[in-house]
Amino acid sequence: MKFPTEDPERRTRIRLDFLIALMVVQIVLSIGLWVDRYRDRSGGSAQVVEKQDASLDELYTESPSKGYVSEPGVTELPVSEPVREPVVASKVKVQILNGCGKTGIARRAQQWMERNDYDVRDVGNADRQDYRSSEVLNRSGNASAARDMARMLGIDESKIKRKAAPPGLDVDLTLIIGSDNKRLPFGR
């Protein structure tokens, strides 16, 4: 690239613009790689993560006979198994029950919960239709999941109750929608 010799300020400005453009491209690529790595670690593509872990295992378990050369004076330590984090976190399994009698509210809650990464396993009517306030039933003993769901829905933590699931129902939490449903995110 030839620069006009009569304008050194312009030449400097062009060089700076070029360097800034390169830095922006580098930042965008770095963010893209970070997002892909995060997606893989949080369940996007478990097979890719396993392959990456396997290649790292091969790298760290190389023996001197396979071409690994250690630095002089450095004692080679035995390689332990790498700590593996779970690749895919399991979703919280939820049952949604209509306890207010408002038609269609449980289905709207199901759609909202699924959009927010909950695994809705069952939708139906509660044992009665006169619940004044919505409740979260902790079926599996996962108190943090119950608190998280209550906070997300705007339900007071005093409305979280521990109650075992009936036989044959595999859920972590049950949401009973009460007559306060209009203040819930899906009740508006």
N, C-alpha and C. Protein backbone atom coordinates (compact mmCIF):
# COMPACT_ATOMS: atom_id res chain seq x y z
N MET A 1 0.85 -1.16 0.00
CA MET A 1 0.00 0.00 0.00
C MET A 1 0.90 1.23 0.00
N LYS A 2 0.70 2.10 -1.00
CA LYS A 2 1.49 3.32 -1.09
C LYS A 2 0.75 4.46 -0.41
N PHE A 3 1.48 5.22 0.36
CA PHE A 3 0.91 6.37 1.03
C PHE A 3 1.40 7.64 0.35
N PRO A 4 0.55 8.64 0.29
CA PRO A 4 1.01 9.91 -0.27
C PRO A 4 2.09 10.49 0.64
N THR A 5 3.17 10.93 0.03
CA THR A 5 4.30 11.45 0.81
C THR A 5 4.04 12.86 1.32
N GLU A 6 3.08 13.56 0.73
CA GLU A 6 2.87 14.94 1.14
C GLU A 6 2.01 15.09 2.39
N ASP A 7 1.35 14.00 2.90
CA ASP A 7 0.46 14.12 4.05
C ASP A 7 0.80 13.06 5.11
N PRO A 8 1.77 13.32 5.98
CA PRO A 8 2.16 12.32 6.99
C PRO A 8 1.07 12.09 8.04
N GLU A 9 0.25 13.09 8.33
CA GLU A 9 -0.83 12.89 9.29
C GLU A 9 -1.86 11.89 8.76
N ARG A 10 -2.16 12.01 7.50
CA ARG A 10 -3.11 11.08 6.89
C ARG A 10 -2.55 9.66 6.91
N ARG A 11 -1.27 9.53 6.61
CA ARG A 11 -0.62 8.22 6.62
C ARG A 11 -0.71 7.61 8.04
N THR A 12 -0.46 8.39 9.05
CA THR A 12 -0.54 7.92 10.43
C THR A 12 -1.97 7.53 10.79
N ARG A 13 -2.93 8.36 10.37
CA ARG A 13 -4.34 8.07 10.63
C ARG A 13 -4.78 6.77 9.96
N ILE A 14 -4.32 6.53 8.74
CA ILE A 14 -4.67 5.29 8.03
C ILE A 14 -4.07 4.09 8.75
N ARG A 15 -2.83 4.22 9.18
CA ARG A 15 -2.19 3.11 9.91
C ARG A 15 -2.93 2.83 11.21
N LEU A 16 -3.31 3.87 11.93
CA LEU A 16 -4.05 3.68 13.18
C LEU A 16 -5.42 3.05 12.93
N ASP A 17 -6.11 3.51 11.88
CA ASP A 17 -7.40 2.92 11.53
C ASP A 17 -7.25 1.44 11.20
N PHE A 18 -6.19 1.09 10.49
CA PHE A 18 -5.93 -0.29 10.13
C PHE A 18 -5.66 -1.13 11.39
N LEU A 19 -4.85 -0.61 12.31
CA LEU A 19 -4.56 -1.33 13.55
C LEU A 19 -5.82 -1.49 14.41
N ILE A 20 -6.63 -0.46 14.46
CA ILE A 20 -7.88 -0.54 15.23
C ILE A 20 -8.80 -1.59 14.62
N ALA A 21 -8.89 -1.61 13.30
CA ALA A 21 -9.72 -2.61 12.63
C ALA A 21 -9.22 -4.02 12.94
N LEU A 22 -7.91 -4.22 12.94
CA LEU A 22 -7.36 -5.54 13.27
C LEU A 22 -7.69 -5.92 14.72
N MET A 23 -7.60 -4.95 15.61
CA MET A 23 -7.92 -5.23 17.02
C MET A 23 -9.39 -5.60 17.19
N VAL A 24 -10.27 -4.91 16.48
CA VAL A 24 -11.70 -5.21 16.55
C VAL A 24 -11.96 -6.62 16.04
N VAL A 25 -11.33 -6.99 14.93
CA VAL A 25 -11.49 -8.34 14.39
C VAL A 25 -11.00 -9.37 15.41
N GLN A 26 -9.87 -9.10 16.04
CA GLN A 26 -9.34 -10.03 17.03
C GLN A 26 -10.28 -10.17 18.23
N ILE A 27 -10.85 -9.08 18.67
CA ILE A 27 -11.79 -9.13 19.80
C ILE A 27 -13.04 -9.92 19.42
N VAL A 28 -13.57 -9.67 18.24
CA VAL A 28 -14.76 -10.39 17.78
C VAL A 28 -14.47 -11.89 17.70
N LEU A 29 -13.33 -12.26 17.15
CA LEU A 29 -12.98 -13.68 17.06
C LEU A 29 -12.80 -14.29 18.45
N SER A 30 -12.19 -13.56 19.36
CA SER A 30 -12.01 -14.07 20.72
C SER A 30 -13.35 -14.29 21.40
N ILE A 31 -14.25 -13.34 21.25
CA ILE A 31 -15.58 -13.49 21.85
C ILE A 31 -16.30 -14.68 21.23
N GLY A 32 -16.20 -14.84 19.94
CA GLY A 32 -16.82 -15.98 19.26
C GLY A 32 -16.30 -17.30 19.78
N LEU A 33 -14.99 -17.40 19.97
CA LEU A 33 -14.41 -18.63 20.50
C LEU A 33 -14.86 -18.87 21.93
N TRP A 34 -14.94 -17.79 22.72
CA TRP A 34 -15.39 -17.93 24.10
C TRP A 34 -16.83 -18.41 24.15
N VAL A 35 -17.69 -17.85 23.30
CA VAL A 35 -19.10 -18.25 23.27
C VAL A 35 -19.21 -19.71 22.86
N ASP A 36 -18.46 -20.14 21.85
CA ASP A 36 -18.50 -21.54 21.43
C ASP A 36 -18.03 -22.45 22.56
N ARG A 37 -16.99 -22.06 23.25
CA ARG A 37 -16.47 -22.88 24.35
C ARG A 37 -17.51 -22.96 25.47
N TYR A 38 -18.15 -21.84 25.80
CA TYR A 38 -19.18 -21.83 26.83
C TYR A 38 -20.35 -22.70 26.42
N ARG A 39 -20.77 -22.59 25.17
CA ARG A 39 -21.90 -23.39 24.67
C ARG A 39 -21.57 -24.87 24.78
N ASP A 40 -20.34 -25.26 24.44
CA ASP A 40 -19.94 -26.66 24.53
C ASP A 40 -19.95 -27.13 25.98
N ARG A 41 -19.48 -26.31 26.90
CA ARG A 41 -19.42 -26.70 28.31
C ARG A 41 -20.80 -26.77 28.94
N SER A 42 -21.76 -25.99 28.43
CA SER A 42 -23.08 -25.96 29.06
C SER A 42 -24.10 -26.81 28.31
N GLY A 43 -23.64 -27.70 27.47
CA GLY A 43 -24.58 -28.65 26.88
C GLY A 43 -24.82 -28.47 25.40
N GLY A 44 -24.13 -27.55 24.74
CA GLY A 44 -24.36 -27.35 23.31
C GLY A 44 -23.94 -28.55 22.49
N SER A 45 -22.74 -29.05 22.72
CA SER A 45 -22.24 -30.18 21.95
C SER A 45 -21.33 -31.01 22.83
N ALA A 46 -21.89 -31.99 23.48
CA ALA A 46 -21.13 -32.80 24.42
C ALA A 46 -20.05 -33.59 23.72
N GLN A 47 -20.28 -34.02 22.47
CA GLN A 47 -19.30 -34.83 21.77
C GLN A 47 -18.02 -34.05 21.51
N VAL A 48 -18.15 -32.79 21.16
CA VAL A 48 -16.96 -31.97 20.90
C VAL A 48 -16.14 -31.83 22.16
N VAL A 49 -16.80 -31.59 23.29
CA VAL A 49 -16.10 -31.43 24.55
C VAL A 49 -15.38 -32.72 24.90
N GLU A 50 -16.04 -33.86 24.72
CA GLU A 50 -15.39 -35.13 25.02
C GLU A 50 -14.16 -35.33 24.16
N LYS A 51 -14.25 -34.96 22.87
CA LYS A 51 -13.09 -35.09 22.00
C LYS A 51 -11.97 -34.19 22.45
N GLN A 52 -12.31 -32.95 22.87
CA GLN A 52 -11.27 -32.04 23.35
C GLN A 52 -10.61 -32.61 24.59
N ASP A 53 -11.40 -33.13 25.53
CA ASP A 53 -10.86 -33.71 26.74
C ASP A 53 -9.98 -34.92 26.42
N ALA A 54 -10.42 -35.73 25.45
CA ALA A 54 -9.65 -36.90 25.09
C ALA A 54 -8.29 -36.49 24.52
N SER A 55 -8.26 -35.47 23.68
CA SER A 55 -6.99 -35.05 23.11
C SER A 55 -6.07 -34.48 24.18
N LEU A 56 -6.64 -33.81 25.20
CA LEU A 56 -5.83 -33.32 26.31
C LEU A 56 -5.27 -34.48 27.10
N ASP A 57 -6.09 -35.53 27.30
CA ASP A 57 -5.62 -36.70 28.02
C ASP A 57 -4.41 -37.30 27.31
N GLU A 58 -4.51 -37.42 25.98
CA GLU A 58 -3.40 -37.98 25.21
C GLU A 58 -2.16 -37.12 25.38
N LEU A 59 -2.34 -35.82 25.38
CA LEU A 59 -1.22 -34.90 25.51
C LEU A 59 -0.52 -35.08 26.85
N TYR A 60 -1.29 -35.18 27.93
CA TYR A 60 -0.69 -35.25 29.26
C TYR A 60 -0.21 -36.63 29.63
N THR A 61 -0.66 -37.66 28.96
CA THR A 61 -0.22 -38.99 29.33
C THR A 61 0.88 -39.49 28.41
N GLU A 62 1.42 -38.65 27.59
CA GLU A 62 2.53 -39.05 26.73
C GLU A 62 3.72 -39.48 27.59
N SER A 63 4.32 -40.55 27.24
CA SER A 63 5.48 -41.03 27.98
C SER A 63 6.74 -40.64 27.21
N PRO A 64 7.92 -40.70 27.87
CA PRO A 64 9.15 -40.37 27.17
C PRO A 64 9.38 -41.27 25.96
N SER A 65 8.87 -42.50 26.00
CA SER A 65 9.06 -43.40 24.86
C SER A 65 8.26 -42.96 23.66
N LYS A 66 7.22 -42.13 23.87
CA LYS A 66 6.41 -41.66 22.76
C LYS A 66 6.86 -40.29 22.26
N GLY A 67 7.99 -39.85 22.72
CA GLY A 67 8.52 -38.61 22.18
C GLY A 67 8.44 -37.43 23.11
N TYR A 68 7.94 -37.60 24.33
CA TYR A 68 7.89 -36.48 25.26
C TYR A 68 9.28 -36.26 25.81
N VAL A 69 9.75 -35.05 25.73
CA VAL A 69 11.09 -34.73 26.22
C VAL A 69 10.95 -33.78 27.38
N SER A 70 11.41 -34.21 28.55
CA SER A 70 11.34 -33.32 29.70
C SER A 70 12.61 -32.49 29.76
N GLU A 71 12.50 -31.40 30.48
CA GLU A 71 13.66 -30.51 30.62
C GLU A 71 14.70 -31.18 31.51
N PRO A 72 15.97 -30.91 31.29
CA PRO A 72 17.01 -31.51 32.12
C PRO A 72 16.83 -31.07 33.57
N GLY A 73 16.98 -32.01 34.49
CA GLY A 73 16.89 -31.70 35.90
C GLY A 73 15.47 -31.68 36.43
N VAL A 74 14.48 -31.89 35.57
CA VAL A 74 13.08 -31.88 36.01
C VAL A 74 12.62 -33.32 36.13
N THR A 75 12.12 -33.66 37.31
CA THR A 75 11.64 -35.01 37.54
C THR A 75 10.22 -35.12 37.01
N GLU A 76 9.98 -36.16 36.25
CA GLU A 76 8.65 -36.36 35.70
C GLU A 76 7.75 -36.96 36.76
N LEU A 77 6.65 -36.30 37.05
CA LEU A 77 5.70 -36.76 38.05
C LEU A 77 4.65 -37.63 37.40
N PRO A 78 4.07 -38.58 38.15
CA PRO A 78 3.01 -39.39 37.57
C PRO A 78 1.80 -38.52 37.25
N VAL A 79 1.18 -38.86 36.15
CA VAL A 79 0.02 -38.08 35.69
C VAL A 79 -1.23 -38.66 36.33
N SER A 80 -2.01 -37.79 36.97
CA SER A 80 -3.26 -38.25 37.57
C SER A 80 -4.38 -38.03 36.56
N GLU A 81 -5.49 -38.66 36.84
CA GLU A 81 -6.65 -38.50 35.96
C GLU A 81 -7.14 -37.06 36.06
N PRO A 82 -7.47 -36.43 34.95
CA PRO A 82 -7.98 -35.06 35.00
C PRO A 82 -9.36 -35.04 35.65
N VAL A 83 -9.65 -33.96 36.34
CA VAL A 83 -10.97 -33.78 36.93
C VAL A 83 -11.92 -33.35 35.82
N ARG A 84 -12.99 -34.07 35.68
CA ARG A 84 -13.95 -33.75 34.63
C ARG A 84 -15.19 -33.15 35.23
N GLU A 85 -15.59 -32.01 34.66
CA GLU A 85 -16.83 -31.39 35.08
C GLU A 85 -17.95 -31.99 34.24
N PRO A 86 -19.15 -32.04 34.78
CA PRO A 86 -20.25 -32.56 33.96
C PRO A 86 -20.45 -31.67 32.74
N VAL A 87 -20.63 -32.31 31.61
CA VAL A 87 -20.76 -31.57 30.37
C VAL A 87 -22.13 -30.93 30.25
N VAL A 88 -23.17 -31.67 30.60
CA VAL A 88 -24.53 -31.17 30.47
C VAL A 88 -25.17 -31.15 31.86
N ALA A 89 -25.55 -29.97 32.29
CA ALA A 89 -26.26 -29.87 33.57
C ALA A 89 -27.69 -30.29 33.36
N SER A 90 -28.23 -31.07 34.28
CA SER A 90 -29.60 -31.52 34.11
C SER A 90 -30.55 -30.37 34.43
N LYS A 91 -31.62 -30.32 33.68
CA LYS A 91 -32.63 -29.29 33.90
C LYS A 91 -33.49 -29.69 35.10
N VAL A 92 -34.04 -28.68 35.74
CA VAL A 92 -34.94 -28.91 36.87
C VAL A 92 -36.27 -29.41 36.30
N LYS A 93 -36.74 -30.54 36.83
CA LYS A 93 -37.99 -31.15 36.37
C LYS A 93 -39.15 -30.58 37.18
N VAL A 94 -40.15 -30.08 36.46
CA VAL A 94 -41.23 -29.33 37.11
C VAL A 94 -42.60 -29.90 36.75
N GLN A 95 -43.49 -29.84 37.72
CA GLN A 95 -44.91 -30.13 37.52
C GLN A 95 -45.64 -28.80 37.75
N ILE A 96 -46.60 -28.48 36.89
CA ILE A 96 -47.36 -27.24 37.03
C ILE A 96 -48.83 -27.60 37.24
N LEU A 97 -49.38 -27.07 38.33
CA LEU A 97 -50.78 -27.34 38.64
C LEU A 97 -51.57 -26.04 38.76
N ASN A 98 -52.74 -26.03 38.14
CA ASN A 98 -53.64 -24.88 38.20
C ASN A 98 -54.45 -24.98 39.49
N GLY A 99 -54.22 -24.04 40.40
CA GLY A 99 -54.96 -24.03 41.66
C GLY A 99 -55.84 -22.82 41.81
N CYS A 100 -56.08 -22.12 40.67
CA CYS A 100 -56.90 -20.90 40.74
C CYS A 100 -58.17 -21.00 39.91
N GLY A 101 -58.27 -21.99 39.05
CA GLY A 101 -59.45 -22.16 38.22
C GLY A 101 -59.46 -21.35 36.94
N LYS A 102 -58.42 -20.57 36.70
CA LYS A 102 -58.35 -19.75 35.48
C LYS A 102 -57.95 -20.65 34.31
N THR A 103 -58.79 -20.72 33.31
CA THR A 103 -58.57 -21.60 32.17
C THR A 103 -57.31 -21.20 31.39
N GLY A 104 -56.45 -22.17 31.11
CA GLY A 104 -55.27 -21.96 30.27
C GLY A 104 -54.05 -21.43 30.98
N ILE A 105 -54.15 -21.11 32.26
CA ILE A 105 -53.01 -20.51 32.96
C ILE A 105 -51.86 -21.51 33.12
N ALA A 106 -52.17 -22.77 33.33
CA ALA A 106 -51.11 -23.77 33.50
C ALA A 106 -50.34 -23.97 32.19
N ARG A 107 -51.03 -23.94 31.06
CA ARG A 107 -50.35 -24.08 29.75
C ARG A 107 -49.47 -22.86 29.47
N ARG A 108 -49.94 -21.67 29.83
CA ARG A 108 -49.11 -20.47 29.65
C ARG A 108 -47.88 -20.56 30.54
N ALA A 109 -48.08 -21.06 31.76
CA ALA A 109 -46.94 -21.23 32.67
C ALA A 109 -45.96 -22.24 32.08
N GLN A 110 -46.48 -23.31 31.49
CA GLN A 110 -45.61 -24.32 30.88
C GLN A 110 -44.75 -23.70 29.78
N GLN A 111 -45.35 -22.94 28.90
CA GLN A 111 -44.60 -22.31 27.82
C GLN A 111 -43.53 -21.38 28.36
N TRP A 112 -43.89 -20.60 29.36
CA TRP A 112 -42.93 -19.66 29.96
C TRP A 112 -41.78 -20.41 30.63
N MET A 113 -42.12 -21.46 31.38
CA MET A 113 -41.09 -22.24 32.09
C MET A 113 -40.15 -22.94 31.11
N GLU A 114 -40.69 -23.47 30.03
CA GLU A 114 -39.84 -24.14 29.04
C GLU A 114 -38.92 -23.14 28.34
N ARG A 115 -39.40 -21.93 28.09
CA ARG A 115 -38.54 -20.89 27.50
C ARG A 115 -37.42 -20.51 28.46
N ASN A 116 -37.63 -20.73 29.75
CA ASN A 116 -36.63 -20.40 30.76
C ASN A 116 -35.88 -21.65 31.24
N ASP A 117 -35.78 -22.65 30.39
CA ASP A 117 -34.95 -23.84 30.59
C ASP A 117 -35.39 -24.77 31.71
N TYR A 118 -36.67 -24.82 32.00
CA TYR A 118 -37.18 -25.82 32.92
C TYR A 118 -37.73 -26.99 32.11
N ASP A 119 -37.62 -28.18 32.65
CA ASP A 119 -38.14 -29.38 32.02
C ASP A 119 -39.52 -29.67 32.61
N VAL A 120 -40.57 -29.23 31.93
CA VAL A 120 -41.93 -29.40 32.44
C VAL A 120 -42.38 -30.82 32.12
N ARG A 121 -42.61 -31.60 33.16
CA ARG A 121 -42.97 -33.00 33.02
C ARG A 121 -44.46 -33.26 33.09
N ASP A 122 -45.21 -32.39 33.78
CA ASP A 122 -46.63 -32.64 33.98
C ASP A 122 -47.36 -31.31 34.15
N VAL A 123 -48.54 -31.21 33.53
CA VAL A 123 -49.38 -30.03 33.66
C VAL A 123 -50.80 -30.52 33.95
N GLY A 124 -51.44 -29.89 34.93
CA GLY A 124 -52.80 -30.32 35.25
C GLY A 124 -53.45 -29.40 36.26
N ASN A 125 -54.50 -29.89 36.90
CA ASN A 125 -55.23 -29.14 37.92
C ASN A 125 -54.79 -29.59 39.30
N ALA A 126 -54.77 -28.65 40.23
CA ALA A 126 -54.42 -28.96 41.61
C ALA A 126 -55.59 -29.68 42.28
N ASP A 127 -55.38 -30.12 43.50
CA ASP A 127 -56.41 -30.84 44.25
C ASP A 127 -57.62 -29.96 44.54
N ARG A 128 -57.40 -28.65 44.52
CA ARG A 128 -58.52 -27.72 44.70
C ARG A 128 -58.24 -26.45 43.88
N GLN A 129 -59.24 -25.62 43.68
CA GLN A 129 -59.11 -24.45 42.82
C GLN A 129 -59.21 -23.14 43.59
N ASP A 130 -58.95 -23.17 44.89
CA ASP A 130 -59.09 -21.95 45.69
C ASP A 130 -57.78 -21.54 46.39
N TYR A 131 -56.64 -21.85 45.78
CA TYR A 131 -55.37 -21.39 46.34
C TYR A 131 -55.30 -19.87 46.19
N ARG A 132 -55.10 -19.17 47.30
CA ARG A 132 -55.01 -17.71 47.25
C ARG A 132 -53.68 -17.25 46.67
N SER A 133 -52.61 -17.94 47.07
CA SER A 133 -51.29 -17.55 46.58
C SER A 133 -50.59 -18.76 45.97
N SER A 134 -49.72 -18.47 45.04
CA SER A 134 -48.97 -19.53 44.36
C SER A 134 -47.94 -20.11 45.31
N GLU A 135 -47.65 -21.40 45.13
CA GLU A 135 -46.72 -22.11 46.00
C GLU A 135 -45.74 -22.92 45.16
N VAL A 136 -44.57 -23.15 45.74
CA VAL A 136 -43.58 -24.04 45.15
C VAL A 136 -43.40 -25.20 46.12
N LEU A 137 -43.63 -26.41 45.63
CA LEU A 137 -43.43 -27.60 46.44
C LEU A 137 -42.09 -28.22 46.06
N ASN A 138 -41.21 -28.33 47.03
CA ASN A 138 -39.90 -28.94 46.83
C ASN A 138 -40.06 -30.44 46.97
N ARG A 139 -40.00 -31.16 45.86
CA ARG A 139 -40.27 -32.60 45.86
C ARG A 139 -39.01 -33.44 46.05
N SER A 140 -37.84 -32.89 45.70
CA SER A 140 -36.62 -33.71 45.69
C SER A 140 -35.60 -33.30 46.74
N GLY A 141 -35.88 -32.27 47.51
CA GLY A 141 -34.91 -31.81 48.50
C GLY A 141 -33.91 -30.82 47.94
N ASN A 142 -34.10 -30.36 46.72
CA ASN A 142 -33.21 -29.40 46.10
C ASN A 142 -33.68 -27.99 46.47
N ALA A 143 -33.26 -27.53 47.65
CA ALA A 143 -33.73 -26.24 48.17
C ALA A 143 -33.29 -25.07 47.31
N SER A 144 -32.10 -25.13 46.75
CA SER A 144 -31.63 -24.00 45.94
C SER A 144 -32.45 -23.87 44.66
N ALA A 145 -32.83 -24.99 44.05
CA ALA A 145 -33.67 -24.93 42.84
C ALA A 145 -35.04 -24.36 43.19
N ALA A 146 -35.58 -24.73 44.34
CA ALA A 146 -36.88 -24.20 44.76
C ALA A 146 -36.81 -22.70 45.00
N ARG A 147 -35.74 -22.25 45.67
CA ARG A 147 -35.57 -20.81 45.91
C ARG A 147 -35.38 -20.06 44.60
N ASP A 148 -34.58 -20.61 43.69
CA ASP A 148 -34.33 -19.95 42.40
C ASP A 148 -35.63 -19.78 41.62
N MET A 149 -36.45 -20.85 41.58
CA MET A 149 -37.70 -20.76 40.83
C MET A 149 -38.64 -19.76 41.49
N ALA A 150 -38.72 -19.78 42.82
CA ALA A 150 -39.60 -18.84 43.52
C ALA A 150 -39.16 -17.41 43.25
N ARG A 151 -37.88 -17.14 43.30
CA ARG A 151 -37.38 -15.78 43.02
C ARG A 151 -37.69 -15.37 41.60
N MET A 152 -37.47 -16.28 40.67
CA MET A 152 -37.70 -15.96 39.26
C MET A 152 -39.17 -15.63 38.99
N LEU A 153 -40.07 -16.30 39.72
CA LEU A 153 -41.49 -16.08 39.53
C LEU A 153 -42.04 -14.97 40.42
N GLY A 154 -41.24 -14.50 41.37
CA GLY A 154 -41.71 -13.46 42.28
C GLY A 154 -42.58 -14.01 43.40
N ILE A 155 -42.38 -15.29 43.74
CA ILE A 155 -43.14 -15.92 44.82
C ILE A 155 -42.30 -15.80 46.09
N ASP A 156 -42.94 -15.40 47.18
CA ASP A 156 -42.26 -15.27 48.47
C ASP A 156 -41.71 -16.63 48.91
N GLU A 157 -40.50 -16.61 49.46
CA GLU A 157 -39.85 -17.87 49.87
C GLU A 157 -40.61 -18.58 50.98
N SER A 158 -41.48 -17.88 51.69
CA SER A 158 -42.29 -18.54 52.72
C SER A 158 -43.33 -19.48 52.09
N LYS A 159 -43.54 -19.35 50.79
CA LYS A 159 -44.49 -20.20 50.08
C LYS A 159 -43.83 -21.43 49.47
N ILE A 160 -42.59 -21.70 49.85
CA ILE A 160 -41.90 -22.93 49.43
C ILE A 160 -42.14 -23.97 50.51
N LYS A 161 -42.64 -25.11 50.12
CA LYS A 161 -42.92 -26.18 51.08
C LYS A 161 -42.25 -27.46 50.62
N ARG A 162 -41.82 -28.24 51.58
CA ARG A 162 -41.20 -29.54 51.29
C ARG A 162 -42.29 -30.60 51.33
N LYS A 163 -42.49 -31.29 50.22
CA LYS A 163 -43.51 -32.33 50.15
C LYS A 163 -43.07 -33.36 49.13
N ALA A 164 -43.02 -34.61 49.54
CA ALA A 164 -42.58 -35.70 48.65
C ALA A 164 -43.54 -35.84 47.47
N ALA A 165 -42.97 -36.23 46.35
CA ALA A 165 -43.78 -36.45 45.14
C ALA A 165 -44.56 -37.75 45.28
N PRO A 166 -45.75 -37.79 44.70
CA PRO A 166 -46.49 -39.05 44.71
C PRO A 166 -45.73 -40.12 43.91
N PRO A 167 -45.95 -41.39 44.21
CA PRO A 167 -45.27 -42.45 43.48
C PRO A 167 -45.51 -42.35 41.97
N GLY A 168 -44.45 -42.53 41.22
CA GLY A 168 -44.55 -42.49 39.76
C GLY A 168 -44.37 -41.12 39.15
N LEU A 169 -44.26 -40.08 39.96
CA LEU A 169 -44.08 -38.72 39.45
C LEU A 169 -42.63 -38.32 39.66
N ASP A 170 -41.89 -38.18 38.58
CA ASP A 170 -40.46 -37.85 38.65
C ASP A 170 -40.27 -36.36 38.41
N VAL A 171 -40.43 -35.55 39.46
CA VAL A 171 -40.22 -34.10 39.36
C VAL A 171 -39.43 -33.63 40.56
N ASP A 172 -38.75 -32.50 40.36
CA ASP A 172 -38.00 -31.87 41.44
C ASP A 172 -38.88 -30.85 42.18
N LEU A 173 -39.70 -30.13 41.41
CA LEU A 173 -40.52 -29.06 41.97
C LEU A 173 -41.93 -29.12 41.40
N THR A 174 -42.89 -28.67 42.19
CA THR A 174 -44.26 -28.50 41.71
C THR A 174 -44.64 -27.04 41.94
N LEU A 175 -45.16 -26.42 40.90
CA LEU A 175 -45.67 -25.06 40.99
C LEU A 175 -47.19 -25.14 41.03
N ILE A 176 -47.78 -24.65 42.11
CA ILE A 176 -49.23 -24.55 42.20
C ILE A 176 -49.58 -23.08 41.98
N ILE A 177 -50.34 -22.81 40.93
CA ILE A 177 -50.69 -21.43 40.57
C ILE A 177 -51.94 -21.03 41.33
N GLY A 178 -51.81 -19.97 42.13
CA GLY A 178 -52.93 -19.48 42.93
C GLY A 178 -53.62 -18.30 42.27
N SER A 179 -54.55 -17.69 43.02
CA SER A 179 -55.31 -16.57 42.47
C SER A 179 -54.46 -15.30 42.34
N ASP A 180 -53.23 -15.33 42.82
CA ASP A 180 -52.30 -14.21 42.62
C ASP A 180 -51.55 -14.32 41.29
N ASN A 181 -52.08 -15.11 40.37
CA ASN A 181 -51.38 -15.41 39.11
C ASN A 181 -51.11 -14.19 38.25
N LYS A 182 -51.86 -13.11 38.41
CA LYS A 182 -51.64 -11.93 37.57
C LYS A 182 -50.31 -11.26 37.84
N ARG A 183 -49.74 -11.49 39.02
CA ARG A 183 -48.44 -10.88 39.30
C ARG A 183 -47.27 -11.79 38.90
N LEU A 184 -47.57 -12.99 38.43
CA LEU A 184 -46.54 -13.89 37.94
C LEU A 184 -46.18 -13.51 36.50
N PRO A 185 -44.96 -13.80 36.07
CA PRO A 185 -44.54 -13.37 34.72
C PRO A 185 -45.41 -13.86 33.58
N PHE A 186 -46.02 -15.03 33.71
CA PHE A 186 -46.85 -15.58 32.64
C PHE A 186 -48.32 -15.25 32.82
N GLY A 187 -48.68 -14.63 33.93
CA GLY A 187 -50.09 -14.36 34.22
C GLY A 187 -50.57 -13.01 33.74
N ARG A 188 -49.69 -12.24 33.16
CA ARG A 188 -50.06 -10.88 32.74
C ARG A 188 -50.76 -10.88 31.41
